[in-house]
Amino acid sequence: STNFVPPIPGIKDNPTVWDSTDALDTKELPQSMIIVGGGVIGMEFATLYHELGVPVTVIEAMPTILPNLDQEIVGILVEKYRKAGIQILTDTKVTEIQGNKVLTTNGEYEAEHILVSVGRRANMQGLEALNDVEIYRGGIVVDEFMKTNLKNVYAAGDVTGKIMLAHVASRQAEVAVGRMLKQLPLQRIAYNAIPSVVYTNPEIACIGLTEKDLNDIREGDFAPTMSLDKPFVEYEVHKLPMTYSGRFVAENEGVNGVCKVLVAEDGKVLGASMLGNPASELIIVAGMAIEDGKKLEDWKRYVFPHPTAGEIFREF
């Protein structure tokens, strides 16, 4: 995939405008930075440059940064970042870029460099050779085994237009090759239990459904990626502060976080979100429970090593 360049006047051929590749390749720190886009990549760069001492302003057109994540978790991160000095502007649309000035619906802002990070698009160049390959919404259409509509043609990774994450691409490739070799039993990718991590500091990690997803299902506005016993399941929210773990306290002095788990009426785990390091290392505990249909109480049967941050799952 490649960086998506939005149709904002003043972006093209502007040396002050960076994409994510430029932001990684630079050999010198900018005096200040504006980041257009408060998604995953934008917030990760906001963290990086802020901790390197660069004044950072994030401009996001949506009402919130990281709109696809649990908003209670995101709200805690936003409060922390604003206290740390990162300026976060939401509901703010960029109308034009003039040199190093960003014109928005809420005023003008200026920085030495402007990082535009509003998403990525699959690389579809060269597919002209595959006559009649089915494409939908910028991605190659594949079945559950990564097979396209063409005989003996498979696709995996960002080009499928699904979840653009490296670990998803790797798993898709395993599924595709397994099907090519007719390995039994045939493997499938568990899209209902894909971990997603935002490498901010502290990290956010999530898996499965969020409260917004479940409420959208109630309203009929969401097609669940996991099998639900009913069109809408009532759910319960279970939360613990990460400081419930002594190991977390020792390794994250003066910092708190939260572990939030959503369960159905029958106790089955539907989703989980975490804020706090090392959330990226722990979230798969919830992912395995979701994929295997485990209940909240099942975690109590497992013996977690102590002291670890991961044993917080056993405390629910």
Protein backbone atom coordinates (compact mmCIF):
# COMPACT_ATOMS: atom_id res chain seq x y z
CA SER A 1 0.00 0.00 0.00
CA THR A 2 0.98 3.64 -0.34
CA ASN A 3 0.18 6.82 1.52
CA PHE A 4 -3.10 8.37 0.45
CA VAL A 5 -2.72 11.98 -0.66
CA PRO A 6 -5.95 13.90 -0.01
CA PRO A 7 -7.10 16.55 -2.52
CA ILE A 8 -6.07 19.49 -0.34
CA PRO A 9 -4.76 22.52 -2.25
CA GLY A 10 -1.09 23.16 -1.56
CA ILE A 11 0.05 19.62 -0.78
CA LYS A 12 1.71 18.65 -4.05
CA ASP A 13 5.30 19.78 -4.66
CA ASN A 14 5.40 21.40 -1.22
CA PRO A 15 8.78 20.69 0.44
CA THR A 16 7.38 21.35 3.92
CA VAL A 17 4.79 18.57 3.52
CA TRP A 18 5.87 15.08 4.60
CA ASP A 19 4.32 11.65 4.34
CA SER A 20 5.13 8.85 6.78
CA THR A 21 8.16 7.76 4.75
CA ASP A 22 9.63 11.27 4.92
CA ALA A 23 9.01 11.41 8.67
CA LEU A 24 11.06 8.24 9.12
CA ASP A 25 13.83 9.13 6.67
CA THR A 26 14.67 12.56 8.06
CA LYS A 27 18.11 12.98 9.63
CA GLU A 28 17.22 16.11 11.63
CA LEU A 29 14.42 16.92 14.02
CA PRO A 30 12.06 19.67 12.86
CA GLN A 31 11.58 22.70 15.10
CA SER A 32 7.83 22.03 15.11
CA MET A 33 5.35 19.73 13.42
CA ILE A 34 1.70 19.68 12.41
CA ILE A 35 0.19 16.25 11.81
CA VAL A 36 -2.86 16.18 9.57
CA GLY A 37 -4.80 13.06 10.55
CA GLY A 38 -5.40 11.67 14.01
CA GLY A 39 -5.57 8.02 13.03
CA VAL A 40 -3.19 5.26 14.09
CA ILE A 41 -0.17 6.38 12.05
CA GLY A 42 -0.69 10.05 12.88
CA MET A 43 -0.87 9.42 16.62
CA GLU A 44 2.15 7.13 16.58
CA PHE A 45 4.21 9.89 14.95
CA ALA A 46 2.76 12.41 17.40
CA THR A 47 4.10 10.24 20.22
CA LEU A 48 7.49 9.75 18.60
CA TYR A 49 8.18 13.39 17.80
CA HIS A 50 6.74 14.71 21.07
CA GLU A 51 9.03 12.42 23.07
CA LEU A 52 11.96 13.65 20.97
CA GLY A 53 11.13 17.19 22.09
CA VAL A 54 9.32 18.48 19.01
CA PRO A 55 6.20 20.64 19.58
CA VAL A 56 3.34 18.73 17.92
CA THR A 57 -0.15 19.76 16.80
CA VAL A 58 -2.59 17.10 15.56
CA ILE A 59 -5.47 18.17 13.29
CA GLU A 60 -8.33 15.70 12.81
CA ALA A 61 -11.52 16.26 10.80
CA MET A 62 -13.53 13.71 12.81
CA PRO A 63 -15.02 14.49 16.24
CA THR A 64 -12.33 12.32 17.85
CA ILE A 65 -8.91 10.90 17.14
CA LEU A 66 -8.68 7.13 16.62
CA PRO A 67 -12.41 6.94 15.82
CA ASN A 68 -12.50 3.17 15.31
CA LEU A 69 -11.25 2.35 18.80
CA ASP A 70 -13.00 2.25 22.15
CA GLN A 71 -13.67 5.90 22.87
CA GLU A 72 -13.40 5.60 26.63
CA ILE A 73 -9.86 4.30 26.18
CA VAL A 74 -9.08 6.98 23.60
CA GLY A 75 -10.41 9.70 25.92
CA ILE A 76 -7.91 8.74 28.62
CA LEU A 77 -5.05 8.93 26.10
CA VAL A 78 -6.23 12.32 24.80
CA GLU A 79 -6.34 13.76 28.32
CA LYS A 80 -2.82 12.49 29.01
CA TYR A 81 -1.46 13.91 25.77
CA ARG A 82 -3.06 17.30 26.21
CA LYS A 83 -1.56 17.54 29.70
CA ALA A 84 1.81 16.59 28.20
CA GLY A 85 1.57 19.46 25.72
CA ILE A 86 0.40 17.84 22.49
CA GLN A 87 -2.22 20.08 20.89
CA ILE A 88 -5.09 17.98 19.54
CA LEU A 89 -7.69 19.68 17.35
CA THR A 90 -10.77 17.64 16.42
CA ASP A 91 -13.75 18.60 14.24
CA THR A 92 -11.21 20.61 12.27
CA LYS A 93 -11.02 20.29 8.50
CA VAL A 94 -7.93 21.37 6.57
CA THR A 95 -8.97 23.58 3.64
CA GLU A 96 -5.57 24.54 2.23
CA ILE A 97 -1.83 24.41 2.86
CA GLN A 98 0.22 27.48 2.02
CA GLY A 99 3.91 26.75 2.43
CA ASN A 100 4.27 25.86 6.09
CA LYS A 101 0.84 27.24 7.03
CA VAL A 102 -2.22 25.03 7.45
CA LEU A 103 -5.55 26.74 6.88
CA THR A 104 -8.46 25.05 8.63
CA THR A 105 -12.10 25.59 9.50
CA ASN A 106 -10.91 26.63 12.97
CA GLY A 107 -8.06 28.99 12.11
CA GLU A 108 -4.51 28.95 10.77
CA TYR A 109 -1.58 26.97 12.17
CA GLU A 110 2.10 27.03 11.30
CA ALA A 111 5.00 24.60 11.72
CA GLU A 112 8.33 23.82 10.11
CA HIS A 113 6.98 20.56 8.69
CA ILE A 114 3.48 19.24 8.01
CA LEU A 115 3.00 15.48 8.14
CA VAL A 116 -0.05 14.38 6.15
CA SER A 117 -1.19 11.01 7.44
CA VAL A 118 -4.78 10.27 6.49
CA GLY A 119 -4.58 6.59 5.57
CA ARG A 120 -3.21 4.25 2.95
CA ARG A 121 -4.48 2.77 -0.30
CA ALA A 122 -3.74 -0.61 -1.86
CA ASN A 123 -1.26 -0.65 -4.74
CA MET A 124 -3.30 -1.82 -7.73
CA GLN A 125 -0.85 -0.90 -10.47
CA GLY A 126 0.06 -3.78 -12.78
CA LEU A 127 -3.16 -5.71 -12.28
CA GLU A 128 -4.17 -4.87 -15.83
CA ALA A 129 -2.49 -8.15 -16.81
CA LEU A 130 -5.11 -10.04 -14.79
CA ASN A 131 -8.05 -9.56 -17.09
CA ASP A 132 -11.42 -9.64 -15.34
CA VAL A 133 -10.07 -9.94 -11.79
CA GLU A 134 -12.86 -8.76 -9.50
CA ILE A 135 -12.13 -5.53 -7.62
CA TYR A 136 -14.39 -3.89 -5.07
CA ARG A 137 -13.77 -0.62 -3.22
CA GLY A 138 -10.10 -0.51 -4.11
CA GLY A 139 -9.25 -4.10 -3.23
CA ILE A 140 -9.14 -7.51 -4.92
CA VAL A 141 -12.14 -9.62 -3.94
CA VAL A 142 -11.13 -12.93 -2.33
CA ASP A 143 -13.00 -15.80 -0.69
CA GLU A 144 -12.29 -17.24 2.75
CA PHE A 145 -9.23 -19.03 1.33
CA MET A 146 -7.82 -15.89 -0.38
CA LYS A 147 -8.79 -17.17 -3.84
CA THR A 148 -9.85 -14.56 -6.41
CA ASN A 149 -12.54 -15.06 -9.04
CA LEU A 150 -9.80 -16.23 -11.44
CA LYS A 151 -8.62 -19.82 -11.58
CA ASN A 152 -5.42 -20.46 -9.63
CA VAL A 153 -5.02 -16.76 -8.68
CA TYR A 154 -4.81 -15.85 -5.01
CA ALA A 155 -4.25 -12.54 -3.24
CA ALA A 156 -3.02 -11.64 0.25
CA GLY A 157 -2.10 -8.50 2.11
CA ASP A 158 -3.08 -4.87 1.62
CA VAL A 159 -4.10 -5.54 -1.98
CA THR A 160 -7.22 -7.36 -0.71
CA GLY A 161 -8.44 -4.07 0.74
CA LYS A 162 -9.28 -5.68 4.07
CA ILE A 163 -7.33 -5.00 7.26
CA MET A 164 -4.01 -3.37 6.34
CA LEU A 165 -1.76 -4.86 9.01
CA ALA A 166 1.42 -6.89 8.59
CA HIS A 167 0.24 -9.75 10.80
CA VAL A 168 -3.01 -9.98 8.82
CA ALA A 169 -1.06 -10.19 5.54
CA SER A 170 1.11 -12.99 6.94
CA ARG A 171 -1.89 -14.99 8.09
CA GLN A 172 -3.68 -14.46 4.77
CA ALA A 173 -0.62 -15.81 2.97
CA GLU A 174 -0.59 -18.91 5.19
CA VAL A 175 -4.26 -19.53 4.45
CA ALA A 176 -3.71 -19.05 0.71
CA VAL A 177 -0.72 -21.40 0.51
CA GLY A 178 -2.52 -24.00 2.62
CA ARG A 179 -5.39 -23.96 0.14
CA MET A 180 -3.04 -24.13 -2.85
CA LEU A 181 -1.36 -27.23 -1.41
CA LYS A 182 -4.72 -28.72 -0.35
CA GLN A 183 -3.54 -29.05 3.23
CA LEU A 184 -6.26 -30.48 5.47
CA PRO A 185 -7.97 -29.26 7.48
CA LEU A 186 -8.19 -26.08 5.41
CA GLN A 187 -7.23 -23.01 7.38
CA ARG A 188 -9.24 -19.80 7.61
CA ILE A 189 -8.35 -16.38 8.97
CA ALA A 190 -10.22 -15.29 12.09
CA TYR A 191 -11.20 -11.75 11.13
CA ASN A 192 -13.27 -11.54 14.33
CA ALA A 193 -10.13 -11.77 16.46
CA ILE A 194 -7.54 -9.57 14.75
CA PRO A 195 -5.43 -7.64 17.27
CA SER A 196 -4.93 -3.96 16.51
CA VAL A 197 -2.26 -1.93 18.27
CA VAL A 198 -1.56 1.79 18.38
CA TYR A 199 2.11 2.17 19.32
CA THR A 200 1.67 5.35 21.28
CA ASN A 201 3.07 5.74 24.78
CA PRO A 202 1.17 4.26 26.52
CA GLU A 203 0.08 1.69 23.97
CA ILE A 204 -3.51 1.00 23.02
CA ALA A 205 -4.44 -2.53 21.97
CA CYS A 206 -7.85 -3.86 21.06
CA ILE A 207 -9.48 -6.97 19.66
CA GLY A 208 -12.99 -8.08 18.78
CA LEU A 209 -16.04 -5.84 19.14
CA THR A 210 -16.26 -2.45 20.82
CA GLU A 211 -19.25 -0.92 22.57
CA LYS A 212 -19.89 1.19 19.46
CA ASP A 213 -19.91 -1.96 17.33
CA LEU A 214 -22.46 -3.61 19.61
CA ASN A 215 -24.67 -0.55 19.68
CA ASP A 216 -24.43 -0.26 15.89
CA ILE A 217 -25.53 -3.90 15.66
CA ARG A 218 -28.55 -2.96 17.77
CA GLU A 219 -29.38 -0.23 15.25
CA GLY A 220 -28.75 -2.49 12.26
CA ASP A 221 -25.81 -0.38 11.05
CA PHE A 222 -23.05 -2.95 11.48
CA ALA A 223 -22.36 -6.38 10.00
CA PRO A 224 -20.54 -8.33 12.74
CA THR A 225 -17.39 -10.21 11.77
CA MET A 226 -18.08 -12.81 14.44
CA SER A 227 -20.92 -15.23 14.96
CA LEU A 228 -23.47 -13.88 17.41
CA ASP A 229 -26.25 -15.96 18.91
CA LYS A 230 -28.73 -13.13 18.34
CA PRO A 231 -28.89 -10.16 15.93
CA PHE A 232 -27.97 -8.14 19.01
CA VAL A 233 -26.61 -9.53 22.24
CA GLU A 234 -26.90 -7.71 25.51
CA TYR A 235 -23.47 -7.24 26.95
CA GLU A 236 -21.67 -6.37 30.14
CA VAL A 237 -18.62 -4.16 30.58
CA HIS A 238 -15.87 -5.28 32.93
CA LYS A 239 -13.02 -2.89 33.72
CA LEU A 240 -9.96 -2.91 35.90
CA PRO A 241 -7.24 -0.31 36.26
CA MET A 242 -3.89 -1.62 35.08
CA THR A 243 -2.48 -0.70 38.48
CA TYR A 244 -4.36 -3.76 39.75
CA SER A 245 -1.21 -5.53 38.62
CA GLY A 246 1.81 -4.98 40.85
CA ARG A 247 4.14 -5.71 37.95
CA PHE A 248 2.48 -2.93 35.94
CA VAL A 249 2.94 -0.50 38.83
CA ALA A 250 6.63 -1.40 39.13
CA GLU A 251 7.31 -0.97 35.41
CA ASN A 252 5.11 2.07 34.77
CA GLU A 253 5.80 4.28 37.74
CA GLY A 254 3.28 7.09 38.10
CA VAL A 255 1.25 5.92 35.09
CA ASN A 256 -2.12 4.19 35.04
CA GLY A 257 -4.08 2.42 32.34
CA VAL A 258 -7.20 0.33 31.96
CA CYS A 259 -8.18 -3.14 30.83
CA LYS A 260 -11.74 -3.32 29.51
CA VAL A 261 -13.51 -6.53 28.49
CA LEU A 262 -16.95 -6.87 26.88
CA VAL A 263 -18.87 -10.09 27.48
CA ALA A 264 -22.20 -11.43 26.28
CA GLU A 265 -25.05 -12.48 28.57
CA ASP A 266 -23.69 -16.02 28.63
CA GLY A 267 -20.25 -14.78 29.67
CA LYS A 268 -18.52 -15.26 26.31
CA VAL A 269 -15.83 -12.71 25.56
CA LEU A 270 -16.84 -10.37 22.72
CA GLY A 271 -14.03 -7.83 22.74
CA ALA A 272 -11.29 -6.20 24.76
CA SER A 273 -9.42 -2.92 24.81
CA MET A 274 -6.34 -2.01 26.82
CA LEU A 275 -4.41 1.16 27.55
CA GLY A 276 -1.01 0.74 29.10
CA ASN A 277 2.35 -0.83 28.33
CA PRO A 278 2.74 -3.62 27.30
CA ALA A 279 -0.83 -3.87 25.93
CA SER A 280 0.48 -5.11 22.57
CA GLU A 281 1.95 -8.18 24.27
CA LEU A 282 -1.19 -8.99 26.27
CA ILE A 283 -4.17 -8.46 23.96
CA ILE A 284 -3.87 -11.90 22.34
CA VAL A 285 -5.04 -13.43 25.63
CA ALA A 286 -8.45 -11.92 24.88
CA GLY A 287 -8.13 -12.80 21.20
CA MET A 288 -7.76 -16.51 21.90
CA ALA A 289 -10.80 -16.36 24.17
CA ILE A 290 -12.86 -14.70 21.42
CA GLU A 291 -11.76 -17.14 18.73
CA ASP A 292 -12.33 -20.21 20.92
CA GLY A 293 -15.66 -19.05 22.36
CA LYS A 294 -14.32 -18.88 25.92
CA LYS A 295 -16.11 -17.23 28.81
CA LEU A 296 -14.82 -14.69 31.28
CA GLU A 297 -14.77 -17.30 34.02
CA ASP A 298 -12.50 -19.57 31.96
CA TRP A 299 -9.55 -17.30 32.64
CA LYS A 300 -9.75 -18.24 36.31
CA ARG A 301 -8.95 -21.86 35.42
CA TYR A 302 -5.56 -20.88 34.00
CA VAL A 303 -2.53 -20.37 36.20
CA PHE A 304 -0.90 -17.08 35.21
CA PRO A 305 2.68 -16.45 36.34
CA HIS A 306 3.04 -13.90 39.13
CA PRO A 307 4.05 -11.13 39.02
CA THR A 308 2.98 -10.28 35.46
CA ALA A 309 0.84 -7.59 33.91
CA GLY A 310 -1.07 -10.27 31.99
CA GLU A 311 -2.54 -11.84 35.11
CA ILE A 312 -5.00 -8.94 35.22
CA PHE A 313 -7.23 -11.03 32.91
CA ARG A 314 -7.59 -13.61 35.67
CA GLU A 315 -8.91 -10.97 38.07
CA PHE A 316 -12.17 -10.28 36.23
